[in-house]
Amino acid sequence: MKNKIIVICLLFCFYLQITALPINVSIVGNVDYPGVYILDSSSRVSQAIQYIELNLTSDPTDMIKNSPQLSEMSELKIDTAMLEEQKIALATKNMQKKNSYYAPLKEDEGETFTAKPISKRKVFLIRNKVQQELNLQEFYSNGNAAENPYLQNDDIVKLLPLETSVRLTGEVNREGLYELIEGEKLTDLISFGQGLTKDADLKNILVERYNPETGELQTWKIDYSVINKNFDSEHNLILSHNDEVRVFKKPYLSKKQTVEVKGLVKYPGEYAIDENSTLLSVLESAGGPQAHADLNFAIMIDKSLFDSYDPDLERLLTSNPALMSIAEYSYYQTKLREISGKHFVNIKQLWETKDAQYDRRVKAGDMIYLKEPFLLVNVSGAVQNAGLQTWEAGKNWKSYVKSAGGFTLNAYESKLRVIRYNTNAWVKVKKDTVINPGDEIFVPELKDKSAWDYIIEGLAVTAQLITIVLGIHTLTK
């Protein structure tokens, strides 16, 4: 059933693509290059604006000459009467993908025009001589599609310059530069930012206003809890162009030091710490390890030394290794060996003995992972069937290689190594080498040797023999 739904969706998308016919749309007003654009019928008003906001990349007339698709459309007739004194140029990558057509018109003599940023809250759509005012902010913020309709052939989009904008930063759900209409207040701006976060300090919202004429910076410290009680309070300022509004985090939250505990503990999560907190105290706060946690291979990472956030590694660290694919396991093992900030911790001894010699201080940002027992062995390299195998107590490396179909013809058997899961050490195998859960048995390939390789090996053996002979000769004198 699931496959049928996917096929239907793909067919529907294909249908939409082939039915997206070219349409003529005139864009006028606050535009560097007003004129007639040929878009497709799946374009909305916001997409038309995005096209003209992108930087021009080349001369439109050159693009017509160089684009076979646009050349084929050169017979298209476009009504340019209303735009005869304006010029048009569309040369953006997105337009190339949508087969946009360029119709350069007569250029104004001795006069240039540079558009200001575009108002998104006052956009006019003229269709069949009927003008409709649109507020795209409603579409961006609330998904109101009625404010961002699909375009039709011969539509005219009239753009106005953005007159008033205010920047909102800090503990809001959506930071950014927002357009305001004259008379709008702080509460209007906060609503555009999708409201305050739960960590916002209501008593510490800062509004900054710079006066370019006097060079003075005026500030207001706003108590938003007063506004919540009385919307008409003087704290609900009327905002002006270029105001900066900053919402700060609650003071006790910004100073809070935490350690994150993940995996098989009773209560995984973040735990507050102080300068005296230790690994044992954090584990006790988390309720201790679960009964089936493998304490031999607990992992602790100092996040301040962690090079970069790796979402795949984060996911795999808390996953059951037995459920990983071979590719995931290989990636996990490789990244675990090279990860920076990883500490050696003996949580098994620490938890069982509560002995301070196994304990250590923790600091803010540390991450502790307790995992399930890793009862697998990875056999990789020059074997017939490389991959994960179930670990069995007492089973030696030869048995695992045999289970993998044996060595390939180019296997370098004498260089076979066991990579220990807990230490990442490479161990040269012996008959009695024990294979532990999580270990990797790696068999390198024997590369093809050239004549020069044999010469080098011969010289090395000869040098060793000479050394031995000289040593014997020295001892027998």
Protein backbone atom coordinates (compact mmCIF):
# COMPACT_ATOMS: atom_id res chain seq x y z
CA MET A 1 0.00 0.00 0.00
CA LYS A 2 2.84 2.34 0.94
CA ASN A 3 4.53 1.80 -2.45
CA LYS A 4 1.27 2.56 -4.26
CA ILE A 5 0.95 5.87 -2.39
CA ILE A 6 4.52 6.82 -3.33
CA VAL A 7 3.90 5.97 -7.01
CA ILE A 8 0.70 8.03 -7.02
CA CYS A 9 2.51 11.00 -5.47
CA LEU A 10 5.30 10.79 -8.04
CA LEU A 11 2.81 10.60 -10.90
CA PHE A 12 0.95 13.60 -9.47
CA CYS A 13 4.17 15.62 -9.23
CA PHE A 14 5.04 14.65 -12.82
CA TYR A 15 1.57 15.75 -13.92
CA LEU A 16 2.02 19.12 -12.24
CA GLN A 17 5.37 19.58 -13.98
CA ILE A 18 4.11 18.87 -17.47
CA THR A 19 1.01 21.01 -16.95
CA ALA A 20 3.02 24.03 -15.73
CA LEU A 21 2.52 26.17 -18.81
CA PRO A 22 4.35 29.45 -19.45
CA ILE A 23 2.48 32.64 -18.57
CA ASN A 24 3.20 36.37 -19.07
CA VAL A 25 3.50 38.32 -15.80
CA SER A 26 4.34 42.03 -15.65
CA ILE A 27 6.26 43.23 -12.61
CA VAL A 28 6.31 47.00 -12.09
CA GLY A 29 6.93 49.61 -9.42
CA ASN A 30 9.87 49.33 -7.02
CA VAL A 31 11.97 47.15 -9.34
CA ASP A 32 15.39 47.76 -10.89
CA TYR A 33 14.25 46.12 -14.14
CA PRO A 34 10.46 46.23 -14.49
CA GLY A 35 8.96 44.43 -17.42
CA VAL A 36 7.31 41.27 -18.66
CA TYR A 37 8.45 37.99 -17.17
CA ILE A 38 7.51 34.63 -18.52
CA LEU A 39 7.07 32.26 -15.60
CA ASP A 40 5.07 29.07 -15.31
CA SER A 41 1.54 28.60 -14.07
CA SER A 42 2.72 26.96 -10.84
CA SER A 43 4.37 30.19 -9.64
CA ARG A 44 2.95 32.22 -6.78
CA VAL A 45 3.34 35.95 -6.20
CA SER A 46 6.13 35.34 -3.65
CA GLN A 47 8.13 33.34 -6.21
CA ALA A 48 7.91 36.15 -8.74
CA ILE A 49 9.31 38.54 -6.14
CA GLN A 50 12.10 36.13 -5.22
CA TYR A 51 13.22 36.05 -8.86
CA ILE A 52 13.77 39.76 -9.09
CA GLU A 53 15.43 39.97 -5.67
CA LEU A 54 18.22 37.68 -6.84
CA ASN A 55 21.38 39.25 -8.25
CA LEU A 56 21.65 39.56 -12.01
CA THR A 57 24.24 37.21 -13.47
CA SER A 58 24.44 38.23 -17.13
CA ASP A 59 23.00 40.33 -19.89
CA PRO A 60 19.44 39.11 -20.68
CA THR A 61 19.89 39.47 -24.41
CA ASP A 62 22.96 37.22 -24.31
CA MET A 63 20.95 34.61 -22.49
CA ILE A 64 18.34 34.58 -25.21
CA LYS A 65 21.06 33.97 -27.81
CA ASN A 66 22.78 31.26 -25.79
CA SER A 67 19.73 29.38 -24.53
CA PRO A 68 18.12 27.01 -27.08
CA GLN A 69 15.02 26.77 -24.88
CA LEU A 70 14.57 30.54 -24.81
CA SER A 71 15.29 30.82 -28.54
CA GLU A 72 12.44 28.43 -29.26
CA MET A 73 10.13 30.84 -27.42
CA SER A 74 11.22 33.88 -29.40
CA GLU A 75 8.00 33.85 -31.44
CA LEU A 76 5.94 34.40 -28.28
CA LYS A 77 3.99 37.65 -28.51
CA ILE A 78 4.10 39.89 -25.43
CA ASP A 79 2.01 43.00 -24.84
CA THR A 80 4.54 45.62 -23.73
CA ALA A 81 2.54 48.78 -24.37
CA MET A 82 2.21 49.72 -20.69
CA LEU A 83 5.96 49.25 -20.13
CA GLU A 84 7.42 50.90 -23.23
CA GLU A 85 9.63 53.37 -21.29
CA GLN A 86 11.01 50.82 -18.85
CA LYS A 87 13.66 48.18 -19.23
CA ILE A 88 13.56 44.57 -18.19
CA ALA A 89 16.31 42.15 -17.38
CA LEU A 90 15.99 38.75 -15.77
CA ALA A 91 19.16 36.72 -15.54
CA THR A 92 18.96 34.52 -12.47
CA LYS A 93 19.67 30.82 -12.23
CA ASN A 94 16.20 30.07 -11.00
CA MET A 95 14.71 31.71 -14.03
CA GLN A 96 16.88 29.63 -16.32
CA LYS A 97 15.49 26.52 -14.69
CA LYS A 98 11.95 27.77 -15.23
CA ASN A 99 12.55 28.82 -18.85
CA SER A 100 12.04 32.51 -18.05
CA TYR A 101 11.87 34.64 -21.17
CA TYR A 102 13.52 38.06 -21.48
CA ALA A 103 11.92 40.90 -23.41
CA PRO A 104 14.25 43.95 -23.25
CA LEU A 105 12.43 47.16 -23.97
CA LYS A 106 13.42 50.71 -24.81
CA GLU A 107 15.77 52.09 -22.17
CA ASP A 108 15.25 55.48 -20.56
CA GLU A 109 17.77 57.97 -21.89
CA GLY A 110 20.13 59.44 -19.31
CA GLU A 111 18.09 58.15 -16.37
CA THR A 112 18.70 55.25 -14.02
CA PHE A 113 16.61 53.77 -11.24
CA THR A 114 17.75 51.79 -8.20
CA ALA A 115 15.03 49.96 -6.32
CA LYS A 116 14.81 49.94 -2.52
CA PRO A 117 14.09 46.76 -0.54
CA ILE A 118 10.64 45.46 -1.43
CA SER A 119 7.64 45.71 0.86
CA LYS A 120 6.10 42.28 1.44
CA ARG A 121 3.12 43.58 3.37
CA LYS A 122 1.87 45.84 0.61
CA VAL A 123 1.96 43.98 -2.69
CA PHE A 124 -0.62 44.74 -5.36
CA LEU A 125 -1.88 42.11 -7.80
CA ILE A 126 -3.79 43.52 -10.79
CA ARG A 127 -5.86 40.93 -12.64
CA ASN A 128 -8.41 41.84 -15.30
CA LYS A 129 -8.07 45.51 -14.24
CA VAL A 130 -9.09 44.62 -10.66
CA GLN A 131 -6.48 45.50 -8.03
CA GLN A 132 -6.00 43.29 -4.95
CA GLU A 133 -3.73 44.18 -2.02
CA LEU A 134 -1.74 41.26 -0.57
CA ASN A 135 0.11 40.82 2.73
CA LEU A 136 2.78 38.17 2.16
CA GLN A 137 3.78 38.37 5.83
CA GLU A 138 0.56 36.50 6.57
CA PHE A 139 1.68 33.73 4.22
CA TYR A 140 5.21 33.55 5.63
CA SER A 141 4.10 33.61 9.27
CA ASN A 142 0.79 31.76 9.26
CA GLY A 143 0.72 29.94 5.92
CA ASN A 144 -2.31 31.91 4.71
CA ALA A 145 -2.31 30.93 1.01
CA ALA A 146 -5.04 33.46 0.20
CA GLU A 147 -2.41 36.19 0.63
CA ASN A 148 -0.10 34.49 -1.88
CA PRO A 149 -2.19 33.32 -4.86
CA TYR A 150 -0.99 31.51 -7.96
CA LEU A 151 -0.23 33.79 -10.90
CA GLN A 152 -2.23 33.79 -14.11
CA ASN A 153 -1.46 34.92 -17.63
CA ASP A 154 -1.32 38.73 -18.06
CA ASP A 155 -1.25 39.39 -14.29
CA ILE A 156 0.48 42.57 -13.12
CA VAL A 157 2.42 42.59 -9.84
CA LYS A 158 3.04 46.06 -8.47
CA LEU A 159 5.73 46.40 -5.79
CA LEU A 160 6.27 49.20 -3.29
CA PRO A 161 9.46 50.06 -1.37
CA LEU A 162 9.87 48.88 2.19
CA GLU A 163 9.55 51.95 4.40
CA THR A 164 9.78 50.63 7.97
CA SER A 165 11.70 47.62 9.25
CA VAL A 166 12.68 46.47 12.75
CA ARG A 167 15.14 43.74 13.78
CA LEU A 168 14.06 41.19 16.40
CA THR A 169 16.64 38.94 18.10
CA GLY A 170 17.04 36.74 21.16
CA GLU A 171 14.51 34.51 22.91
CA VAL A 172 11.79 34.52 20.25
CA ASN A 173 10.71 31.59 18.15
CA ARG A 174 11.66 33.31 14.90
CA GLU A 175 14.39 35.94 14.78
CA GLY A 176 14.75 38.26 11.82
CA LEU A 177 14.17 41.62 10.14
CA TYR A 178 10.46 42.41 10.04
CA GLU A 179 8.51 45.01 8.12
CA LEU A 180 6.22 47.18 10.22
CA ILE A 181 3.42 49.46 9.19
CA GLU A 182 3.28 52.87 10.83
CA GLY A 183 1.66 52.75 14.25
CA GLU A 184 2.38 49.10 15.01
CA LYS A 185 3.62 48.23 18.48
CA LEU A 186 6.01 45.91 20.24
CA THR A 187 3.32 43.23 20.61
CA ASP A 188 2.84 43.21 16.82
CA LEU A 189 6.56 42.56 16.30
CA ILE A 190 6.60 39.77 18.92
CA SER A 191 3.67 38.10 17.14
CA PHE A 192 5.61 38.20 13.84
CA GLY A 193 8.44 36.42 15.69
CA GLN A 194 5.99 33.64 16.64
CA GLY A 195 6.00 34.72 20.28
CA LEU A 196 8.53 34.51 23.10
CA THR A 197 10.28 31.28 24.09
CA LYS A 198 9.77 29.70 27.50
CA ASP A 199 13.27 30.89 28.49
CA ALA A 200 12.60 34.57 27.72
CA ASP A 201 13.12 37.05 30.54
CA LEU A 202 9.86 39.01 30.42
CA LYS A 203 11.29 41.77 32.60
CA ASN A 204 14.31 42.37 30.39
CA ILE A 205 13.34 43.21 26.80
CA LEU A 206 15.50 45.95 25.32
CA VAL A 207 14.41 48.37 22.58
CA GLU A 208 17.18 50.46 20.99
CA ARG A 209 16.58 53.44 18.72
CA TYR A 210 19.37 55.33 16.97
CA ASN A 211 18.83 58.91 15.90
CA PRO A 212 21.08 59.55 12.85
CA GLU A 213 20.58 63.32 13.10
CA THR A 214 21.83 63.65 16.68
CA GLY A 215 23.95 60.50 16.81
CA GLU A 216 22.22 59.50 20.06
CA LEU A 217 21.13 56.00 21.02
CA GLN A 218 17.89 55.86 22.96
CA THR A 219 17.01 52.69 24.91
CA TRP A 220 13.97 51.34 26.75
CA LYS A 221 13.94 48.41 29.16
CA ILE A 222 10.54 46.79 28.75
CA ASP A 223 8.67 44.64 31.28
CA TYR A 224 6.55 42.44 29.02
CA SER A 225 4.60 41.00 31.94
CA VAL A 226 3.06 44.48 32.36
CA ILE A 227 1.99 44.43 28.70
CA ASN A 228 0.40 40.98 29.21
CA LYS A 229 -1.77 42.49 31.94
CA ASN A 230 -2.52 45.71 30.09
CA PHE A 231 -2.18 45.84 26.30
CA ASP A 232 -2.48 49.64 26.33
CA SER A 233 0.40 50.04 28.79
CA GLU A 234 3.12 52.56 27.96
CA HIS A 235 5.53 49.60 27.87
CA ASN A 236 3.89 48.55 24.59
CA LEU A 237 5.94 50.99 22.52
CA ILE A 238 5.08 52.16 19.04
CA LEU A 239 8.10 51.11 17.00
CA SER A 240 10.05 53.17 14.45
CA HIS A 241 12.16 52.37 11.43
CA ASN A 242 15.52 50.69 12.23
CA ASP A 243 14.64 49.93 15.86
CA GLU A 244 16.46 46.95 17.41
CA VAL A 245 14.50 44.72 19.81
CA ARG A 246 16.44 42.21 21.93
CA VAL A 247 14.79 39.58 24.11
CA PHE A 248 17.17 38.19 26.73
CA LYS A 249 17.26 34.79 28.41
CA LYS A 250 16.34 34.45 32.07
CA PRO A 251 19.49 35.16 34.10
CA TYR A 252 19.52 31.89 36.04
CA LEU A 253 19.24 29.93 32.77
CA SER A 254 22.20 31.64 31.13
CA LYS A 255 24.39 30.74 34.14
CA LYS A 256 23.13 27.17 34.44
CA GLN A 257 25.81 24.47 34.03
CA THR A 258 24.59 21.10 32.76
CA VAL A 259 25.80 17.64 31.82
CA GLU A 260 23.84 15.43 29.41
CA VAL A 261 23.29 11.75 30.19
CA LYS A 262 21.98 9.55 27.38
CA GLY A 263 21.21 5.90 26.84
CA LEU A 264 20.52 3.21 29.42
CA VAL A 265 20.07 5.13 32.65
CA LYS A 266 16.82 5.30 34.55
CA TYR A 267 16.26 9.00 33.84
CA PRO A 268 18.21 10.21 30.80
CA GLY A 269 18.44 13.96 30.26
CA GLU A 270 20.30 17.12 31.29
CA TYR A 271 21.48 17.53 34.87
CA ALA A 272 22.58 20.71 36.60
CA ILE A 273 26.08 20.60 38.07
CA ASP A 274 28.35 22.78 40.17
CA GLU A 275 32.09 22.92 40.72
CA ASN A 276 31.96 19.88 43.04
CA SER A 277 29.94 17.60 40.77
CA THR A 278 31.48 14.25 39.77
CA LEU A 279 30.67 11.45 37.38
CA LEU A 280 29.28 9.33 40.21
CA SER A 281 27.02 12.10 41.51
CA VAL A 282 25.62 12.70 38.01
CA LEU A 283 24.94 8.98 37.49
CA GLU A 284 23.17 8.83 40.87
CA SER A 285 21.05 11.86 39.90
CA ALA A 286 20.11 10.02 36.67
CA GLY A 287 18.89 7.04 38.71
CA GLY A 288 21.88 4.86 37.88
CA PRO A 289 22.45 2.45 34.97
CA GLN A 290 19.69 0.15 33.82
CA ALA A 291 20.16 -3.56 34.50
CA HIS A 292 21.06 -4.42 30.90
CA ALA A 293 23.48 -1.50 30.34
CA ASP A 294 27.00 -2.49 29.32
CA LEU A 295 29.18 -0.56 31.76
CA ASN A 296 32.41 -1.84 30.23
CA PHE A 297 31.97 0.40 27.19
CA ALA A 298 30.44 3.58 28.59
CA ILE A 299 31.52 6.71 26.70
CA MET A 300 32.18 10.19 28.04
CA ILE A 301 32.82 13.12 25.72
CA ASP A 302 34.05 16.60 26.61
CA LYS A 303 31.87 18.72 24.35
CA SER A 304 34.26 21.68 24.51
CA LEU A 305 36.81 19.51 22.67
CA PHE A 306 34.28 17.95 20.31
CA ASP A 307 35.36 19.22 16.85
CA SER A 308 31.92 19.53 15.35
CA TYR A 309 28.40 18.31 15.82
CA ASP A 310 27.80 15.07 13.93
CA PRO A 311 24.09 14.16 13.92
CA ASP A 312 24.74 10.69 12.50
CA LEU A 313 27.23 9.86 15.25
CA GLU A 314 24.88 11.30 17.89
CA ARG A 315 22.12 9.02 16.62
CA LEU A 316 24.33 5.94 16.46
CA LEU A 317 25.73 6.52 19.95
CA THR A 318 22.25 6.00 21.39
CA SER A 319 21.24 3.21 18.97
CA ASN A 320 21.33 -0.52 19.53
CA PRO A 321 24.44 -1.70 17.64
CA ALA A 322 22.75 -4.98 16.79
CA LEU A 323 20.23 -3.05 14.69
CA MET A 324 22.84 -1.07 12.73
CA SER A 325 23.55 -1.80 9.09
CA ILE A 326 27.10 -2.76 8.12
CA ALA A 327 27.65 0.73 6.70
CA GLU A 328 26.33 2.38 9.87
CA TYR A 329 28.48 0.17 12.08
CA SER A 330 31.61 0.86 10.04
CA TYR A 331 30.93 4.59 10.18
CA TYR A 332 30.25 4.40 13.92
CA GLN A 333 33.47 2.49 14.63
CA THR A 334 35.58 4.81 12.47
CA LYS A 335 34.18 8.02 13.98
CA LEU A 336 34.41 6.61 17.50
CA ARG A 337 38.13 5.96 17.03
CA GLU A 338 38.89 9.47 15.80
CA ILE A 339 36.44 11.47 17.90
CA SER A 340 38.07 14.29 19.86
CA GLY A 341 37.27 14.91 23.50
CA LYS A 342 36.56 11.26 24.38
CA HIS A 343 37.67 10.30 27.90
CA PHE A 344 38.48 6.88 29.31
CA VAL A 345 36.04 6.16 32.15
CA ASN A 346 35.70 2.94 34.15
CA ILE A 347 32.03 3.25 35.00
CA LYS A 348 31.74 -0.47 35.80
CA GLN A 349 34.31 -0.26 38.61
CA LEU A 350 33.01 3.14 39.72
CA TRP A 351 29.38 2.03 40.02
CA GLU A 352 30.10 -1.31 41.63
CA THR A 353 32.65 -0.04 44.19
CA LYS A 354 31.75 3.67 44.56
CA ASP A 355 35.51 4.11 44.93
CA ALA A 356 36.79 7.66 44.44
CA GLN A 357 39.83 6.43 42.50
CA TYR A 358 37.53 5.63 39.56
CA ASP A 359 35.59 8.89 39.88
CA ARG A 360 36.35 12.18 38.15
CA ARG A 361 35.05 15.73 38.00
CA VAL A 362 32.59 16.68 35.28
CA LYS A 363 32.17 20.06 33.67
CA ALA A 364 29.47 21.84 31.72
CA GLY A 365 28.90 20.35 28.28
CA ASP A 366 30.10 16.83 29.10
CA MET A 367 28.07 14.04 27.48
CA ILE A 368 27.78 10.54 29.00
CA TYR A 369 26.48 7.56 27.01
CA LEU A 370 25.55 4.18 28.47
CA LYS A 371 24.85 1.59 25.80
CA GLU A 372 23.47 -1.89 25.36
CA PRO A 373 25.93 -4.82 25.31
CA PHE A 374 27.54 -4.99 21.90
CA LEU A 375 27.37 -8.72 21.20
CA LEU A 376 28.69 -8.53 17.64
CA VAL A 377 32.03 -8.99 15.89
CA ASN A 378 32.87 -7.23 12.63
CA VAL A 379 34.96 -9.25 10.15
CA SER A 380 36.30 -6.94 7.44
CA GLY A 381 38.85 -6.85 4.65
CA ALA A 382 40.00 -9.75 2.47
CA VAL A 383 37.41 -12.39 3.41
CA GLN A 384 34.73 -13.90 1.23
CA ASN A 385 31.74 -12.47 3.16
CA ALA A 386 32.72 -9.46 5.23
CA GLY A 387 30.22 -8.18 7.78
CA LEU A 388 28.85 -8.42 11.32
CA GLN A 389 28.65 -11.75 13.15
CA THR A 390 27.08 -12.66 16.48
CA TRP A 391 29.67 -12.83 19.25
CA GLU A 392 30.07 -16.20 20.95
CA ALA A 393 32.06 -16.74 24.13
CA GLY A 394 35.23 -18.78 23.52
CA LYS A 395 35.05 -18.53 19.72
CA ASN A 396 38.50 -17.65 18.31
CA TRP A 397 39.41 -15.48 15.34
CA LYS A 398 39.88 -18.46 13.01
CA SER A 399 36.26 -19.49 13.59
CA TYR A 400 35.00 -16.01 12.72
CA VAL A 401 37.09 -15.94 9.53
CA LYS A 402 35.78 -19.38 8.63
CA SER A 403 32.19 -18.20 9.22
CA ALA A 404 32.94 -15.33 6.83
CA GLY A 405 33.75 -17.83 4.06
CA GLY A 406 37.50 -17.85 4.65
CA PHE A 407 40.27 -15.73 3.19
CA THR A 408 40.25 -14.41 -0.37
CA LEU A 409 43.13 -15.26 -2.72
CA ASN A 410 44.81 -11.89 -2.09
CA ALA A 411 44.48 -12.00 1.71
CA TYR A 412 47.58 -10.97 3.65
CA GLU A 413 47.00 -13.55 6.38
CA SER A 414 50.14 -12.85 8.40
CA LYS A 415 49.05 -9.21 8.83
CA LEU A 416 45.63 -10.09 10.27
CA ARG A 417 44.82 -7.86 13.25
CA VAL A 418 42.13 -7.60 15.92
CA ILE A 419 40.96 -4.05 16.65
CA ARG A 420 39.75 -3.86 20.25
CA TYR A 421 36.38 -2.20 20.72
CA ASN A 422 37.13 -0.63 24.08
CA THR A 423 40.67 0.69 23.41
CA ASN A 424 40.89 0.80 19.58
CA ALA A 425 44.26 -0.98 19.89
CA TRP A 426 45.46 -3.12 16.95
CA VAL A 427 46.47 -6.55 18.27
CA LYS A 428 48.61 -9.11 16.45
CA VAL A 429 46.79 -12.43 16.80
CA LYS A 430 48.06 -15.60 18.41
CA LYS A 431 46.42 -19.00 18.79
CA ASP A 432 44.97 -18.04 22.17
CA THR A 433 43.91 -14.47 21.27
CA VAL A 434 40.51 -13.84 22.87
CA ILE A 435 37.83 -12.13 20.78
CA ASN A 436 35.64 -9.79 22.84
CA PRO A 437 32.21 -8.36 21.99
CA GLY A 438 32.52 -5.41 19.62
CA ASP A 439 36.00 -6.33 18.36
CA GLU A 440 36.84 -6.08 14.67
CA ILE A 441 38.86 -8.72 12.82
CA PHE A 442 40.62 -6.98 9.94
CA VAL A 443 42.35 -8.88 7.11
CA PRO A 444 44.40 -6.61 4.79
CA GLU A 445 44.86 -7.35 1.10
CA LEU A 446 48.19 -8.45 -0.32
CA LYS A 447 49.01 -5.87 -2.96
CA ASP A 448 50.62 -6.80 -6.26
CA LYS A 449 54.41 -6.38 -6.02
CA SER A 450 56.61 -4.83 -8.63
CA ALA A 451 60.21 -5.87 -9.35
CA TRP A 452 61.36 -2.92 -7.29
CA ASP A 453 59.35 -4.17 -4.26
CA TYR A 454 61.15 -7.54 -4.47
CA ILE A 455 64.53 -5.78 -4.72
CA ILE A 456 63.77 -3.70 -1.63
CA GLU A 457 62.62 -6.77 0.32
CA GLY A 458 65.76 -8.65 -0.79
CA LEU A 459 68.01 -5.83 0.35
CA ALA A 460 66.21 -5.68 3.69
CA VAL A 461 66.67 -9.44 4.26
CA THR A 462 70.33 -9.20 3.22
CA ALA A 463 70.90 -6.34 5.64
CA GLN A 464 69.35 -8.36 8.44
CA LEU A 465 71.58 -11.37 7.67
CA ILE A 466 74.69 -9.20 7.61
CA THR A 467 73.72 -7.71 10.96
CA ILE A 468 73.27 -11.18 12.45
CA VAL A 469 76.62 -12.41 11.07
CA LEU A 470 78.45 -9.34 12.39
CA GLY A 471 76.81 -9.78 15.75
CA ILE A 472 77.86 -13.43 16.00
CA HIS A 473 81.38 -12.54 14.84
CA THR A 474 81.66 -9.86 17.53
CA LEU A 475 80.49 -12.20 20.29
CA THR A 476 82.88 -15.02 19.31
CA LYS A 477 86.00 -12.86 19.32
